[in-house]
């Protein structure tokens, strides 16, 4: 059975790399819509993770690799996300919807010793999947209508593979490190055409990303054994970018010979190729949490991401610094009550506000949302082997209607499984 899990883990990784993810028109800028972190456990709590040390032995924290002092079992997580986006703009009273379902996280974690733990994770980090067309009608000198069409298309996914190590220094202090590899190809295409011409003017940008950086984390947790209350403080920093993003930009005219998009009579007007090393700049996070052992937990967190600049259609586009404030936690009524199943269900809740990195026409494209979730334990799960079905919900808003920009309302549903057991136990008898 365990061999089947390992084979499935590897196979699912190939599928995740080939996915097409949906997102908003704001994905036209930079590396697209950032999907990470998609872990249901932390996403259902508003995204809090920096000061979150699970009370249970089956949960590995990748966001802050120091927060795994209680992790003791081998854990396999498989998770998927269903996104439902609803867009509105005052420009031509535009309204549209977009839906997608994709595999959002696979992870394998296991203890190396009583003090050292290790985890491997694979997730989509960001994506582009948009197709926006605008039409404008003018009259020529003969009073004939000419339609000018602007089309914007984007595609591609940027994935991340991670290896995390945690080390417990003593009962209160832990440290951790994580290596992050980002890889993928992202495409943007802007096409301009007129109804009185068969030729198209196309601006194409191809981004090939191969990036590597590190995350360092630390945590402190003080447990009052008399009251079972505990205080947790955590911090992380991500830095050390290596490699780069190569951007190829092409401005050309051409025509299509068929519906499949075969080009003919292409004339290159301009071509550029540039490299950027600040694709994923400095990031930092600090969090504080307080709770009661195996009963409830509440945490607050502040995240910071330094702004970057990226080549976009042959020009450099500047992104502003990002700030995110999150709050959330969990509640477990009574894990010892085996007569009532719902007394052993973990209930999660949270909310967040994020000042986005985009600023268009003087408007910051901000985002906020509320989250909730449950962990439904399998029938034979106990407090020492908390395996089960994970469900999460996120309802939020992004953008604005000001200056003909786009308001995005969304509902994201998440489902996953956490299979945890004590593998690799030494046999007592031959």
Protein backbone atom coordinates (compact mmCIF):
# COMPACT_ATOMS: atom_id res chain seq x y z
CA UNK A 1 0.00 0.00 0.00
CA UNK A 2 2.82 2.41 0.86
CA UNK A 3 4.54 1.67 -2.47
CA UNK A 4 1.32 2.63 -4.26
CA UNK A 5 1.28 5.97 -2.42
CA UNK A 6 4.89 6.73 -3.49
CA UNK A 7 4.25 5.85 -7.15
CA UNK A 8 1.07 7.97 -7.13
CA UNK A 9 3.02 10.88 -5.61
CA UNK A 10 5.52 10.85 -8.49
CA UNK A 11 2.86 10.38 -11.18
CA UNK A 12 0.75 13.26 -9.87
CA UNK A 13 3.80 15.51 -10.13
CA UNK A 14 3.91 15.09 -13.90
CA UNK A 15 0.20 15.91 -14.13
CA UNK A 16 0.58 19.06 -12.02
CA UNK A 17 3.32 20.37 -14.33
CA UNK A 18 1.00 20.04 -17.36
CA UNK A 19 -2.01 21.85 -15.88
CA UNK A 20 -3.72 24.93 -17.28
CA UNK A 21 -4.88 27.24 -14.49
CA UNK A 22 -7.50 29.94 -14.75
CA UNK A 23 -7.05 33.47 -13.43
CA UNK A 24 -8.00 37.13 -13.82
CA UNK A 25 -7.02 39.72 -16.45
CA UNK A 26 -4.62 41.17 -13.87
CA UNK A 27 -2.45 38.13 -14.65
CA UNK A 28 -1.33 39.99 -17.78
CA UNK A 29 1.30 41.72 -15.65
CA UNK A 30 4.51 40.09 -14.49
CA UNK A 31 4.47 36.40 -13.58
CA UNK A 32 0.67 36.20 -13.40
CA UNK A 33 -1.66 35.21 -10.58
CA UNK A 34 0.27 33.88 -7.59
CA UNK A 35 -1.39 30.66 -6.36
CA UNK A 36 1.08 29.66 -3.66
CA UNK A 37 0.61 28.80 -0.77
CA UNK A 38 -2.22 26.40 -1.60
CA UNK A 39 -2.02 24.19 1.49
CA UNK A 40 -5.60 23.83 2.72
CA UNK A 41 -4.58 23.81 6.37
CA UNK A 42 -3.03 27.29 6.33
CA UNK A 43 -5.22 28.76 3.55
CA UNK A 44 -8.34 27.97 5.61
CA UNK A 45 -6.90 30.04 8.46
CA UNK A 46 -6.43 33.22 6.44
CA UNK A 47 -2.91 32.17 5.40
CA UNK A 48 -1.36 32.18 8.89
CA UNK A 49 1.67 29.87 9.01
CA UNK A 50 4.67 31.75 10.41
CA UNK A 51 3.70 31.18 14.07
CA UNK A 52 1.63 28.03 13.47
CA UNK A 53 3.03 24.85 15.01
CA UNK A 54 0.47 22.08 14.67
CA UNK A 55 -0.50 20.35 17.90
CA UNK A 56 -0.77 17.09 15.97
CA UNK A 57 1.93 14.72 14.75
CA UNK A 58 0.73 14.48 11.13
CA UNK A 59 1.04 18.09 9.87
CA UNK A 60 4.22 19.48 8.25
CA UNK A 61 4.60 23.27 7.83
CA UNK A 62 6.46 24.25 4.62
CA UNK A 63 5.89 28.02 4.85
CA UNK A 64 7.99 28.22 8.04
CA UNK A 65 10.18 25.10 8.06
CA UNK A 66 11.05 25.71 11.73
CA UNK A 67 7.45 24.97 12.81
CA UNK A 68 7.60 21.18 12.82
CA UNK A 69 8.61 20.36 16.37
CA UNK A 70 5.58 18.08 16.87
CA UNK A 71 5.75 16.30 13.52
CA UNK A 72 6.39 12.56 14.02
CA UNK A 73 4.61 10.63 11.26
CA UNK A 74 5.16 10.12 7.55
CA UNK A 75 2.57 12.25 5.76
CA UNK A 76 1.35 12.38 2.15
CA UNK A 77 -0.89 15.27 1.11
CA UNK A 78 -2.85 15.49 -2.16
CA UNK A 79 -4.92 18.65 -2.63
CA UNK A 80 -6.99 20.29 -5.39
CA UNK A 81 -8.58 23.74 -5.85
CA UNK A 82 -11.71 24.85 -7.69
CA UNK A 83 -11.67 28.57 -8.57
CA UNK A 84 -14.80 30.54 -9.46
CA UNK A 85 -14.14 34.13 -10.58
CA UNK A 86 -16.74 36.81 -11.33
CA UNK A 87 -15.51 39.93 -13.16
CA UNK A 88 -17.16 43.31 -13.62
CA UNK A 89 -16.04 46.59 -15.18
CA UNK A 90 -17.67 49.92 -15.99
CA UNK A 91 -15.93 49.76 -19.38
CA UNK A 92 -18.75 48.78 -21.78
CA UNK A 93 -20.58 47.34 -18.72
CA UNK A 94 -18.43 44.23 -18.99
CA UNK A 95 -19.37 41.15 -16.94
CA UNK A 96 -17.87 37.67 -17.20
CA UNK A 97 -17.15 34.52 -15.21
CA UNK A 98 -14.30 32.05 -15.28
CA UNK A 99 -13.89 28.67 -13.58
CA UNK A 100 -11.09 26.14 -13.28
CA UNK A 101 -10.11 23.12 -11.23
CA UNK A 102 -6.52 22.07 -10.75
CA UNK A 103 -4.21 20.03 -8.53
CA UNK A 104 -2.79 22.61 -6.12
CA UNK A 105 -0.40 20.71 -3.85
CA UNK A 106 1.35 17.41 -3.36
CA UNK A 107 3.68 16.92 -0.41
CA UNK A 108 5.62 14.15 1.29
CA UNK A 109 7.12 14.64 4.76
CA UNK A 110 8.80 12.33 7.27
CA UNK A 111 10.98 12.48 10.42
CA UNK A 112 14.71 11.85 10.04
CA UNK A 113 15.20 11.71 13.80
CA UNK A 114 13.53 12.92 16.97
CA UNK A 115 14.88 16.42 16.34
CA UNK A 116 15.18 16.63 12.55
CA UNK A 117 12.27 16.49 10.07
CA UNK A 118 12.17 16.69 6.28
CA UNK A 119 9.53 17.58 3.68
CA UNK A 120 9.23 17.66 -0.13
CA UNK A 121 6.52 19.72 -1.83
CA UNK A 122 5.39 20.53 -5.37
CA UNK A 123 2.90 23.32 -6.16
CA UNK A 124 1.93 25.74 -8.92
CA UNK A 125 3.40 29.10 -7.87
CA UNK A 126 1.72 31.35 -10.44
CA UNK A 127 -0.08 31.13 -13.77
CA UNK A 128 -1.30 32.99 -16.82
CA UNK A 129 -4.50 31.94 -18.58
CA UNK A 130 -6.45 34.88 -19.96
CA UNK A 131 -8.02 35.98 -23.24
CA UNK A 132 -9.34 39.57 -23.39
CA UNK A 133 -10.64 41.30 -26.55
CA UNK A 134 -11.76 44.92 -26.93
CA UNK A 135 -13.38 46.41 -30.06
CA UNK A 136 -13.57 50.07 -31.07
CA UNK A 137 -15.49 51.34 -34.12
CA UNK A 138 -14.42 54.35 -36.21
CA UNK A 139 -15.59 55.77 -39.52
CA UNK A 140 -13.22 56.33 -42.45
CA UNK A 141 -13.30 59.19 -44.96
CA UNK A 142 -16.07 57.38 -46.86
CA UNK A 143 -18.19 57.07 -43.73
CA UNK A 144 -17.64 53.30 -43.59
CA UNK A 145 -17.33 51.58 -40.22
CA UNK A 146 -13.88 50.21 -39.40
CA UNK A 147 -13.50 48.00 -36.35
CA UNK A 148 -10.18 48.10 -34.49
CA UNK A 149 -9.61 45.09 -32.28
CA UNK A 150 -7.12 44.68 -29.43
CA UNK A 151 -6.60 41.13 -28.20
CA UNK A 152 -4.62 40.06 -25.13
CA UNK A 153 -3.77 36.41 -24.49
CA UNK A 154 -1.63 34.74 -21.86
CA UNK A 155 -0.69 31.19 -20.95
CA UNK A 156 1.76 29.15 -18.91
CA UNK A 157 2.41 28.05 -15.34
CA UNK A 158 5.31 28.72 -13.00
CA UNK A 159 5.80 25.78 -10.61
CA UNK A 160 7.80 25.44 -7.44
CA UNK A 161 9.52 22.39 -5.94
CA UNK A 162 10.71 22.63 -2.34
CA UNK A 163 12.85 20.67 0.07
CA UNK A 164 12.55 21.69 3.74
CA UNK A 165 14.50 20.68 6.85
CA UNK A 166 13.52 21.38 10.46
CA UNK A 167 15.69 21.09 13.56
CA UNK A 168 14.47 21.25 17.15
CA UNK A 169 17.17 22.88 19.30
CA UNK A 170 15.34 22.38 22.60
CA UNK A 171 11.79 22.30 23.94
CA UNK A 172 11.22 25.94 23.04
CA UNK A 173 13.41 26.86 20.06
CA UNK A 174 13.48 25.44 16.52
CA UNK A 175 15.08 26.49 13.25
CA UNK A 176 14.47 25.46 9.66
CA UNK A 177 15.64 25.96 6.08
CA UNK A 178 13.97 25.43 2.73
CA UNK A 179 15.35 25.36 -0.82
CA UNK A 180 12.92 26.65 -3.47
CA UNK A 181 13.22 25.87 -7.18
CA UNK A 182 10.93 27.80 -9.59
CA UNK A 183 10.56 26.67 -13.18
CA UNK A 184 8.17 27.20 -16.07
CA UNK A 185 7.41 29.19 -19.21
CA UNK A 186 5.00 32.14 -19.40
CA UNK A 187 3.63 33.72 -22.59
CA UNK A 188 1.88 37.04 -23.35
CA UNK A 189 0.55 38.12 -26.74
CA UNK A 190 -1.02 41.47 -27.71
CA UNK A 191 -2.53 41.56 -31.21
CA UNK A 192 -3.93 44.62 -32.98
CA UNK A 193 -6.00 44.28 -36.16
CA UNK A 194 -8.35 46.37 -38.28
CA UNK A 195 -11.36 45.08 -40.17
CA UNK A 196 -10.10 46.61 -43.44
CA UNK A 197 -6.76 44.75 -43.32
CA UNK A 198 -5.83 41.07 -43.30
CA UNK A 199 -2.53 41.72 -41.50
CA UNK A 200 -2.09 41.73 -37.73
CA UNK A 201 0.42 43.59 -35.58
CA UNK A 202 1.55 41.26 -32.79
CA UNK A 203 3.63 41.94 -29.65
CA UNK A 204 4.76 38.68 -28.06
CA UNK A 205 6.66 38.16 -24.80
CA UNK A 206 8.11 34.77 -23.81
CA UNK A 207 9.45 34.34 -20.27
CA UNK A 208 11.58 31.30 -19.45
CA UNK A 209 11.97 31.02 -15.68
CA UNK A 210 14.60 28.95 -13.86
CA UNK A 211 15.01 30.47 -10.40
CA UNK A 212 16.36 29.30 -7.06
CA UNK A 213 16.28 30.83 -3.58
CA UNK A 214 16.24 29.96 0.13
CA UNK A 215 13.85 30.41 3.04
CA UNK A 216 15.14 30.50 6.61
CA UNK A 217 12.79 30.25 9.56
CA UNK A 218 12.84 30.27 13.33
CA UNK A 219 10.20 29.73 16.01
CA UNK A 220 9.75 29.93 19.75
CA UNK A 221 6.96 28.21 21.67
CA UNK A 222 6.41 28.36 25.42
CA UNK A 223 3.94 25.89 26.93
CA UNK A 224 2.51 26.41 30.40
CA UNK A 225 2.09 22.80 31.57
CA UNK A 226 -0.15 23.88 34.43
CA UNK A 227 -2.78 25.56 32.22
CA UNK A 228 -1.94 23.94 28.81
CA UNK A 229 -1.78 27.45 27.32
CA UNK A 230 1.02 28.23 24.88
CA UNK A 231 2.59 31.26 23.18
CA UNK A 232 4.20 30.94 19.74
CA UNK A 233 6.41 33.44 17.90
CA UNK A 234 7.80 32.81 14.41
CA UNK A 235 9.69 34.60 11.62
CA UNK A 236 10.88 33.77 8.10
CA UNK A 237 12.98 35.41 5.37
CA UNK A 238 13.34 34.39 1.72
CA UNK A 239 16.41 35.59 -0.16
CA UNK A 240 19.43 34.52 -2.20
CA UNK A 241 18.05 34.52 -5.75
CA UNK A 242 20.25 32.72 -8.27
CA UNK A 243 19.85 32.13 -11.99
CA UNK A 244 17.47 34.44 -13.88
CA UNK A 245 14.45 34.90 -16.09
CA UNK A 246 15.08 35.21 -19.83
CA UNK A 247 12.55 37.35 -21.71
CA UNK A 248 12.28 37.25 -25.50
CA UNK A 249 10.24 40.07 -27.01
CA UNK A 250 9.08 40.13 -30.65
CA UNK A 251 7.16 42.86 -32.50
CA UNK A 252 5.99 41.71 -35.93
CA UNK A 253 3.26 41.81 -38.56
CA UNK A 254 1.68 38.70 -40.08
CA UNK A 255 -1.54 37.06 -41.12
CA UNK A 256 -3.18 33.75 -40.21
CA UNK A 257 -3.82 31.18 -42.92
CA UNK A 258 -6.14 28.94 -40.91
CA UNK A 259 -8.15 28.67 -37.68
CA UNK A 260 -5.28 26.82 -35.99
CA UNK A 261 -3.21 30.01 -36.02
CA UNK A 262 -0.61 29.22 -38.71
CA UNK A 263 1.34 32.40 -39.49
CA UNK A 264 2.30 33.57 -42.97
CA UNK A 265 4.12 36.58 -44.45
CA UNK A 266 5.63 37.47 -41.07
CA UNK A 267 7.78 40.59 -40.94
CA UNK A 268 9.90 41.21 -37.83
CA UNK A 269 9.84 44.85 -36.75
CA UNK A 270 11.84 44.49 -33.53
CA UNK A 271 13.31 41.73 -31.36
CA UNK A 272 14.84 41.92 -27.89
CA UNK A 273 16.14 39.45 -25.34
CA UNK A 274 16.77 40.53 -21.74
CA UNK A 275 17.59 38.80 -18.46
CA UNK A 276 16.21 39.65 -15.03
CA UNK A 277 17.57 38.42 -11.69
CA UNK A 278 15.07 40.03 -9.32
CA UNK A 279 12.02 37.99 -10.33
CA UNK A 280 11.40 36.75 -6.77
CA UNK A 281 12.88 39.39 -4.45
CA UNK A 282 13.25 39.56 -0.69
CA UNK A 283 10.27 38.33 1.32
CA UNK A 284 9.80 38.31 5.09
CA UNK A 285 7.11 37.34 7.57
CA UNK A 286 6.53 37.58 11.32
CA UNK A 287 3.72 36.06 13.36
CA UNK A 288 2.47 35.62 16.93
CA UNK A 289 0.04 32.99 18.15
CA UNK A 290 -1.67 31.89 21.37
CA UNK A 291 -3.74 28.85 22.18
CA UNK A 292 -4.68 25.91 24.36
CA UNK A 293 -3.04 22.54 23.77
CA UNK A 294 -5.14 20.26 21.50
CA UNK A 295 -8.15 22.58 21.86
CA UNK A 296 -7.82 25.97 20.09
CA UNK A 297 -5.33 28.35 18.53
CA UNK A 298 -5.37 31.96 17.25
CA UNK A 299 -2.62 33.80 15.36
CA UNK A 300 -1.84 37.08 13.61
CA UNK A 301 0.74 37.56 10.87
CA UNK A 302 2.34 40.28 8.71
CA UNK A 303 4.00 39.46 5.38
CA UNK A 304 6.21 41.71 3.27
CA UNK A 305 7.43 41.28 -0.29
CA UNK A 306 9.79 43.76 -1.92
CA UNK A 307 8.65 45.21 -5.25
CA UNK A 308 10.34 44.09 -8.46
CA UNK A 309 10.50 45.13 -12.10
CA UNK A 310 9.82 42.85 -15.06
CA UNK A 311 10.02 43.33 -18.82
CA UNK A 312 6.52 43.41 -20.28
CA UNK A 313 5.92 43.85 -24.03
CA UNK A 314 9.42 45.29 -24.44
CA UNK A 315 9.13 47.75 -21.56
CA UNK A 316 10.10 47.57 -17.89
CA UNK A 317 7.11 47.40 -15.55
CA UNK A 318 7.63 48.32 -11.88
CA UNK A 319 5.77 46.52 -9.10
CA UNK A 320 5.30 48.10 -5.69
CA UNK A 321 6.05 46.54 -2.30
CA UNK A 322 3.38 44.15 -1.06
CA UNK A 323 2.01 43.94 2.48
CA UNK A 324 -0.40 41.33 3.79
CA UNK A 325 -2.10 41.14 7.20
CA UNK A 326 -3.64 37.80 8.18
CA UNK A 327 -5.48 36.46 11.21
CA UNK A 328 -6.91 33.03 11.87
CA UNK A 329 -6.86 29.85 13.87
CA UNK A 330 -8.55 26.54 14.60
CA UNK A 331 -10.85 24.92 17.16
CA UNK A 332 -11.18 21.28 18.21
CA UNK A 333 -14.15 20.65 20.56
CA UNK A 334 -13.02 17.39 22.21
CA UNK A 335 -10.63 14.94 20.56
CA UNK A 336 -11.33 12.32 23.29
CA UNK A 337 -15.06 12.15 22.58
CA UNK A 338 -15.38 9.09 20.32
CA UNK A 339 -19.15 9.01 20.78
CA UNK A 340 -19.57 12.26 18.85
CA UNK A 341 -17.74 12.40 15.51
CA UNK A 342 -18.11 16.18 15.12
CA UNK A 343 -16.42 16.71 18.48
CA UNK A 344 -13.24 15.40 16.83
CA UNK A 345 -13.52 17.60 13.73
CA UNK A 346 -11.00 20.48 13.46
CA UNK A 347 -12.74 23.75 12.51
CA UNK A 348 -10.64 26.51 10.89
CA UNK A 349 -11.33 30.21 10.30
CA UNK A 350 -9.49 33.31 9.14
CA UNK A 351 -9.35 36.58 7.17
CA UNK A 352 -6.71 38.63 5.35
CA UNK A 353 -6.05 41.95 3.61
CA UNK A 354 -3.32 42.40 1.01
CA UNK A 355 -2.00 45.53 -0.65
CA UNK A 356 -1.16 44.14 -4.08
CA UNK A 357 2.01 44.72 -6.06
CA UNK A 358 0.06 46.19 -9.00
CA UNK A 359 -0.70 49.90 -9.22
CA UNK A 360 -2.68 50.97 -12.30
CA UNK A 361 -3.75 54.55 -13.00
CA UNK A 362 -2.91 55.42 -9.40
CA UNK A 363 -5.05 52.57 -8.00
CA UNK A 364 -3.50 49.77 -5.98
CA UNK A 365 -5.00 46.41 -6.94
CA UNK A 366 -5.70 45.18 -3.42
CA UNK A 367 -7.23 41.93 -2.22
CA UNK A 368 -9.10 40.77 0.87
CA UNK A 369 -11.02 37.68 1.87
CA UNK A 370 -12.47 35.48 4.57
CA UNK A 371 -11.69 31.78 4.89
CA UNK A 372 -13.02 28.68 6.63
CA UNK A 373 -12.37 24.97 6.62
CA UNK A 374 -12.62 21.64 8.38
CA UNK A 375 -10.48 18.57 8.79
CA UNK A 376 -12.72 15.49 8.88
CA UNK A 377 -10.70 12.70 10.51
CA UNK A 378 -10.87 9.17 9.20
CA UNK A 379 -12.86 6.81 11.40
CA UNK A 380 -9.80 5.19 12.98
CA UNK A 381 -7.84 8.45 13.40
CA UNK A 382 -6.66 9.37 16.88
CA UNK A 383 -4.90 12.42 18.26
CA UNK A 384 -1.56 10.72 17.52
CA UNK A 385 -2.52 9.81 13.93
CA UNK A 386 -4.64 12.69 12.65
CA UNK A 387 -5.37 11.63 9.05
CA UNK A 388 -8.43 12.77 7.18
CA UNK A 389 -10.27 14.72 4.52
CA UNK A 390 -9.45 18.45 4.27
CA UNK A 391 -12.07 20.96 3.06
CA UNK A 392 -11.48 24.70 2.62
CA UNK A 393 -13.38 27.77 1.44
CA UNK A 394 -12.15 31.25 0.51
CA UNK A 395 -14.45 34.14 -0.45
CA UNK A 396 -12.88 37.41 -1.48
CA UNK A 397 -12.54 40.47 -3.66
CA UNK A 398 -9.72 41.91 -5.76
CA UNK A 399 -9.41 45.08 -7.79
CA UNK A 400 -11.66 48.12 -8.23
CA UNK A 401 -14.21 49.66 -10.60
CA UNK A 402 -12.40 53.02 -10.59
CA UNK A 403 -10.98 54.32 -13.88
CA UNK A 404 -12.59 51.49 -15.87
CA UNK A 405 -10.54 48.85 -14.04
CA UNK A 406 -11.86 45.39 -13.17
CA UNK A 407 -13.48 44.23 -9.95
CA UNK A 408 -12.99 40.53 -9.27
CA UNK A 409 -15.12 38.58 -6.80
CA UNK A 410 -14.17 34.97 -6.24
CA UNK A 411 -15.08 31.80 -4.41
CA UNK A 412 -12.35 29.17 -4.09
CA UNK A 413 -13.13 25.65 -2.92
CA UNK A 414 -10.36 23.31 -1.77
CA UNK A 415 -10.34 19.58 -1.09
CA UNK A 416 -7.52 17.26 -0.11
CA UNK A 417 -6.39 14.21 1.79
CA UNK A 418 -3.70 13.81 4.41
CA UNK A 419 -2.56 10.20 4.81
CA UNK A 420 -0.36 9.91 7.89
CA UNK A 421 1.14 6.86 9.57
CA UNK A 422 4.30 5.75 11.32
CA UNK A 423 6.24 4.18 8.46
CA UNK A 424 9.71 2.70 8.75
CA UNK A 425 9.13 1.34 12.25
CA UNK A 426 11.77 -1.12 13.41
CA UNK A 427 10.27 -4.61 13.73
CA UNK A 428 10.26 -6.06 17.23
CA UNK A 429 10.08 -9.63 15.96
CA UNK A 430 11.47 -11.34 12.88
